[in-house]
Amino acid sequence: MNHPETLQVHGGTTHKDIIKTVRTAEIEANKNVELHGRHMYTVLFFDEANTTEAIGLIKEIMCDKSIAGMPLELCENLKIIAACNPYRQ
């Protein structure tokens, strides 16, 4: 069984990094469904999502199900979650 995909987000995380991770998670989710059936879920976790300038892209992926306005065909068994840490000065 594959483990959940985690992207440790930080100030240097780029749009390209996020897009690549989403595409990889989508492939893994489809593989997991093929291998284990429709009851297997794959989780993509964006840790510290609010620390990157690409937070808008994460919002677009999670809420709008798109990248740059182009709809994503996300596997229904791919679940995307994010953690936002409290602001610190």
N, C-alpha and C. Protein backbone atom coordinates (compact mmCIF):
# COMPACT_ATOMS: atom_id res chain seq x y z
N MET A 1 0.84 -1.18 0.00
CA MET A 1 0.00 0.00 0.00
C MET A 1 0.89 1.24 0.00
N ASN A 2 0.55 2.23 -0.80
CA ASN A 2 1.30 3.47 -0.86
C ASN A 2 0.96 4.36 0.31
N HIS A 3 1.92 5.15 0.73
CA HIS A 3 1.71 6.07 1.83
C HIS A 3 1.20 7.39 1.29
N PRO A 4 0.50 8.17 2.14
CA PRO A 4 0.04 9.48 1.68
C PRO A 4 1.20 10.35 1.22
N GLU A 5 0.94 11.16 0.25
CA GLU A 5 1.92 12.10 -0.28
C GLU A 5 1.86 13.36 0.57
N THR A 6 3.01 13.83 1.06
CA THR A 6 3.07 15.06 1.83
C THR A 6 4.02 16.02 1.14
N LEU A 7 3.57 17.24 0.94
CA LEU A 7 4.44 18.28 0.43
C LEU A 7 4.68 19.26 1.56
N GLN A 8 5.91 19.28 2.06
CA GLN A 8 6.30 20.24 3.10
C GLN A 8 6.46 21.59 2.42
N VAL A 9 5.51 22.47 2.61
CA VAL A 9 5.49 23.77 1.94
C VAL A 9 6.31 24.77 2.74
N HIS A 10 7.02 25.65 2.03
CA HIS A 10 7.80 26.70 2.67
C HIS A 10 7.89 27.87 1.71
N GLY A 11 8.55 28.93 2.11
CA GLY A 11 8.64 30.14 1.30
C GLY A 11 9.22 29.91 -0.08
N GLY A 12 10.02 28.87 -0.25
CA GLY A 12 10.63 28.60 -1.55
C GLY A 12 9.84 27.65 -2.42
N THR A 13 8.69 27.17 -1.94
CA THR A 13 7.87 26.26 -2.72
C THR A 13 7.25 27.01 -3.89
N THR A 14 7.42 26.49 -5.08
CA THR A 14 6.95 27.17 -6.28
C THR A 14 5.64 26.57 -6.80
N HIS A 15 5.01 27.31 -7.70
CA HIS A 15 3.82 26.79 -8.37
C HIS A 15 4.14 25.46 -9.05
N LYS A 16 5.31 25.40 -9.67
CA LYS A 16 5.73 24.19 -10.38
C LYS A 16 5.82 22.99 -9.43
N ASP A 17 6.36 23.21 -8.22
CA ASP A 17 6.46 22.15 -7.22
C ASP A 17 5.06 21.61 -6.85
N ILE A 18 4.15 22.53 -6.66
CA ILE A 18 2.79 22.15 -6.26
C ILE A 18 2.09 21.39 -7.38
N ILE A 19 2.20 21.88 -8.60
CA ILE A 19 1.56 21.22 -9.74
C ILE A 19 2.13 19.82 -9.92
N LYS A 20 3.45 19.67 -9.83
CA LYS A 20 4.08 18.36 -9.96
C LYS A 20 3.57 17.40 -8.89
N THR A 21 3.45 17.88 -7.67
CA THR A 21 2.99 17.03 -6.57
C THR A 21 1.54 16.60 -6.78
N VAL A 22 0.70 17.51 -7.25
CA VAL A 22 -0.71 17.16 -7.51
C VAL A 22 -0.78 16.11 -8.61
N ARG A 23 -0.02 16.28 -9.66
CA ARG A 23 -0.03 15.31 -10.77
C ARG A 23 0.46 13.93 -10.29
N THR A 24 1.51 13.91 -9.47
CA THR A 24 2.01 12.66 -8.93
C THR A 24 0.97 11.99 -8.03
N ALA A 25 0.32 12.77 -7.19
CA ALA A 25 -0.71 12.22 -6.29
C ALA A 25 -1.88 11.65 -7.10
N GLU A 26 -2.23 12.31 -8.19
CA GLU A 26 -3.32 11.82 -9.05
C GLU A 26 -2.96 10.45 -9.64
N ILE A 27 -1.74 10.31 -10.09
CA ILE A 27 -1.29 9.02 -10.64
C ILE A 27 -1.34 7.94 -9.56
N GLU A 28 -0.85 8.28 -8.37
CA GLU A 28 -0.87 7.32 -7.25
C GLU A 28 -2.29 6.94 -6.86
N ALA A 29 -3.20 7.92 -6.85
CA ALA A 29 -4.60 7.65 -6.50
C ALA A 29 -5.22 6.67 -7.49
N ASN A 30 -4.97 6.89 -8.77
CA ASN A 30 -5.51 5.98 -9.78
C ASN A 30 -4.91 4.58 -9.64
N LYS A 31 -3.60 4.48 -9.36
CA LYS A 31 -2.97 3.18 -9.14
C LYS A 31 -3.58 2.48 -7.93
N ASN A 32 -3.78 3.23 -6.86
CA ASN A 32 -4.36 2.64 -5.64
C ASN A 32 -5.76 2.09 -5.89
N VAL A 33 -6.56 2.80 -6.68
CA VAL A 33 -7.90 2.32 -7.01
C VAL A 33 -7.81 1.04 -7.83
N GLU A 34 -6.91 1.02 -8.80
CA GLU A 34 -6.73 -0.18 -9.63
C GLU A 34 -6.29 -1.38 -8.80
N LEU A 35 -5.36 -1.15 -7.87
CA LEU A 35 -4.81 -2.25 -7.07
C LEU A 35 -5.71 -2.69 -5.92
N HIS A 36 -6.42 -1.72 -5.31
CA HIS A 36 -7.13 -2.02 -4.06
C HIS A 36 -8.63 -1.78 -4.12
N GLY A 37 -9.13 -1.27 -5.23
CA GLY A 37 -10.57 -1.05 -5.36
C GLY A 37 -10.99 0.36 -4.96
N ARG A 38 -12.27 0.63 -5.12
CA ARG A 38 -12.84 1.97 -4.91
C ARG A 38 -12.85 2.40 -3.44
N HIS A 39 -12.53 1.51 -2.53
CA HIS A 39 -12.54 1.87 -1.11
C HIS A 39 -11.17 2.35 -0.62
N MET A 40 -10.20 2.43 -1.53
CA MET A 40 -8.86 2.90 -1.17
C MET A 40 -8.76 4.38 -1.52
N TYR A 41 -8.41 5.19 -0.53
CA TYR A 41 -8.24 6.62 -0.75
C TYR A 41 -6.76 6.98 -0.66
N THR A 42 -6.38 7.98 -1.44
CA THR A 42 -5.03 8.53 -1.40
C THR A 42 -5.16 9.95 -0.88
N VAL A 43 -4.26 10.34 0.02
CA VAL A 43 -4.32 11.66 0.63
C VAL A 43 -3.09 12.47 0.22
N LEU A 44 -3.34 13.67 -0.26
CA LEU A 44 -2.27 14.64 -0.53
C LEU A 44 -2.39 15.71 0.55
N PHE A 45 -1.32 15.87 1.32
CA PHE A 45 -1.32 16.79 2.45
C PHE A 45 -0.32 17.91 2.20
N PHE A 46 -0.84 19.13 2.13
CA PHE A 46 0.00 20.32 2.03
C PHE A 46 0.25 20.82 3.44
N ASP A 47 1.44 20.58 3.96
CA ASP A 47 1.78 21.00 5.32
C ASP A 47 2.32 22.43 5.29
N GLU A 48 1.87 23.26 6.21
CA GLU A 48 2.27 24.66 6.31
C GLU A 48 1.94 25.43 5.03
N ALA A 49 0.75 25.20 4.50
CA ALA A 49 0.34 25.76 3.21
C ALA A 49 0.38 27.28 3.17
N ASN A 50 0.20 27.92 4.30
CA ASN A 50 0.17 29.39 4.31
C ASN A 50 1.55 30.03 4.33
N THR A 51 2.60 29.23 4.20
CA THR A 51 3.96 29.80 4.23
C THR A 51 4.52 30.05 2.84
N THR A 52 3.75 29.79 1.81
CA THR A 52 4.23 29.97 0.45
C THR A 52 3.46 31.07 -0.26
N GLU A 53 4.13 31.70 -1.21
CA GLU A 53 3.46 32.69 -2.05
C GLU A 53 2.46 32.01 -2.98
N ALA A 54 2.54 30.70 -3.11
CA ALA A 54 1.65 29.95 -4.00
C ALA A 54 0.37 29.50 -3.30
N ILE A 55 0.02 30.12 -2.19
CA ILE A 55 -1.19 29.74 -1.45
C ILE A 55 -2.44 29.88 -2.33
N GLY A 56 -2.43 30.84 -3.25
CA GLY A 56 -3.57 31.00 -4.16
C GLY A 56 -3.76 29.78 -5.05
N LEU A 57 -2.66 29.17 -5.48
CA LEU A 57 -2.75 27.97 -6.29
C LEU A 57 -3.30 26.81 -5.47
N ILE A 58 -2.86 26.69 -4.23
CA ILE A 58 -3.39 25.63 -3.36
C ILE A 58 -4.89 25.81 -3.18
N LYS A 59 -5.33 27.04 -2.97
CA LYS A 59 -6.76 27.33 -2.85
C LYS A 59 -7.49 26.95 -4.13
N GLU A 60 -6.91 27.31 -5.28
CA GLU A 60 -7.55 27.00 -6.56
C GLU A 60 -7.70 25.49 -6.75
N ILE A 61 -6.66 24.75 -6.41
CA ILE A 61 -6.70 23.29 -6.54
C ILE A 61 -7.76 22.70 -5.62
N MET A 62 -7.75 23.13 -4.36
CA MET A 62 -8.65 22.54 -3.37
C MET A 62 -10.10 22.98 -3.54
N CYS A 63 -10.32 24.24 -3.81
CA CYS A 63 -11.69 24.78 -3.84
C CYS A 63 -12.30 24.79 -5.24
N ASP A 64 -11.50 25.20 -6.22
CA ASP A 64 -12.02 25.36 -7.57
C ASP A 64 -11.79 24.14 -8.45
N LYS A 65 -10.95 23.20 -7.97
CA LYS A 65 -10.59 22.00 -8.72
C LYS A 65 -10.03 22.34 -10.09
N SER A 66 -9.12 23.34 -10.11
CA SER A 66 -8.50 23.75 -11.37
C SER A 66 -7.08 24.24 -11.12
N ILE A 67 -6.31 24.35 -12.21
CA ILE A 67 -4.98 24.95 -12.19
C ILE A 67 -4.94 25.93 -13.34
N ALA A 68 -4.68 27.19 -13.03
CA ALA A 68 -4.65 28.27 -14.02
C ALA A 68 -5.96 28.31 -14.82
N GLY A 69 -7.06 28.05 -14.13
CA GLY A 69 -8.37 28.11 -14.76
C GLY A 69 -8.76 26.88 -15.55
N MET A 70 -7.84 25.94 -15.69
CA MET A 70 -8.13 24.70 -16.43
C MET A 70 -8.62 23.64 -15.44
N PRO A 71 -9.83 23.11 -15.67
CA PRO A 71 -10.39 22.13 -14.73
C PRO A 71 -9.50 20.90 -14.57
N LEU A 72 -9.40 20.44 -13.34
CA LEU A 72 -8.68 19.19 -13.05
C LEU A 72 -9.67 18.04 -13.10
N GLU A 73 -9.22 16.92 -13.57
CA GLU A 73 -10.04 15.71 -13.54
C GLU A 73 -9.50 14.83 -12.42
N LEU A 74 -9.67 15.30 -11.21
CA LEU A 74 -9.13 14.59 -10.06
C LEU A 74 -9.88 13.29 -9.81
N CYS A 75 -9.13 12.27 -9.50
CA CYS A 75 -9.70 11.00 -9.09
C CYS A 75 -10.55 11.26 -7.84
N GLU A 76 -11.74 10.71 -7.82
CA GLU A 76 -12.60 10.94 -6.65
C GLU A 76 -12.02 10.32 -5.38
N ASN A 77 -11.06 9.45 -5.52
CA ASN A 77 -10.42 8.83 -4.37
C ASN A 77 -9.16 9.56 -3.93
N LEU A 78 -8.87 10.70 -4.55
CA LEU A 78 -7.77 11.56 -4.10
C LEU A 78 -8.36 12.65 -3.21
N LYS A 79 -7.94 12.66 -1.98
CA LYS A 79 -8.39 13.67 -1.01
C LYS A 79 -7.23 14.61 -0.74
N ILE A 80 -7.50 15.90 -0.84
CA ILE A 80 -6.45 16.91 -0.64
C ILE A 80 -6.79 17.71 0.61
N ILE A 81 -5.82 17.77 1.52
CA ILE A 81 -5.99 18.55 2.75
C ILE A 81 -4.77 19.45 2.94
N ALA A 82 -4.94 20.46 3.75
CA ALA A 82 -3.84 21.40 4.00
C ALA A 82 -3.88 21.86 5.44
N ALA A 83 -2.71 22.14 5.97
CA ALA A 83 -2.58 22.72 7.32
C ALA A 83 -2.02 24.12 7.17
N CYS A 84 -2.61 25.04 7.89
CA CYS A 84 -2.12 26.42 7.93
C CYS A 84 -1.72 26.71 9.37
N ASN A 85 -0.49 27.14 9.53
CA ASN A 85 0.02 27.44 10.86
C ASN A 85 -0.32 28.87 11.26
N PRO A 86 -0.45 29.12 12.55
CA PRO A 86 -0.73 30.49 13.01
C PRO A 86 0.38 31.45 12.59
N TYR A 87 0.01 32.67 12.33
CA TYR A 87 0.97 33.69 11.95
C TYR A 87 1.87 34.01 13.14
N ARG A 88 3.16 34.12 12.88
CA ARG A 88 4.12 34.50 13.92
C ARG A 88 4.96 35.64 13.41
N GLN A 89 5.25 36.58 14.28
CA GLN A 89 6.11 37.69 13.90
C GLN A 89 7.55 37.35 14.12
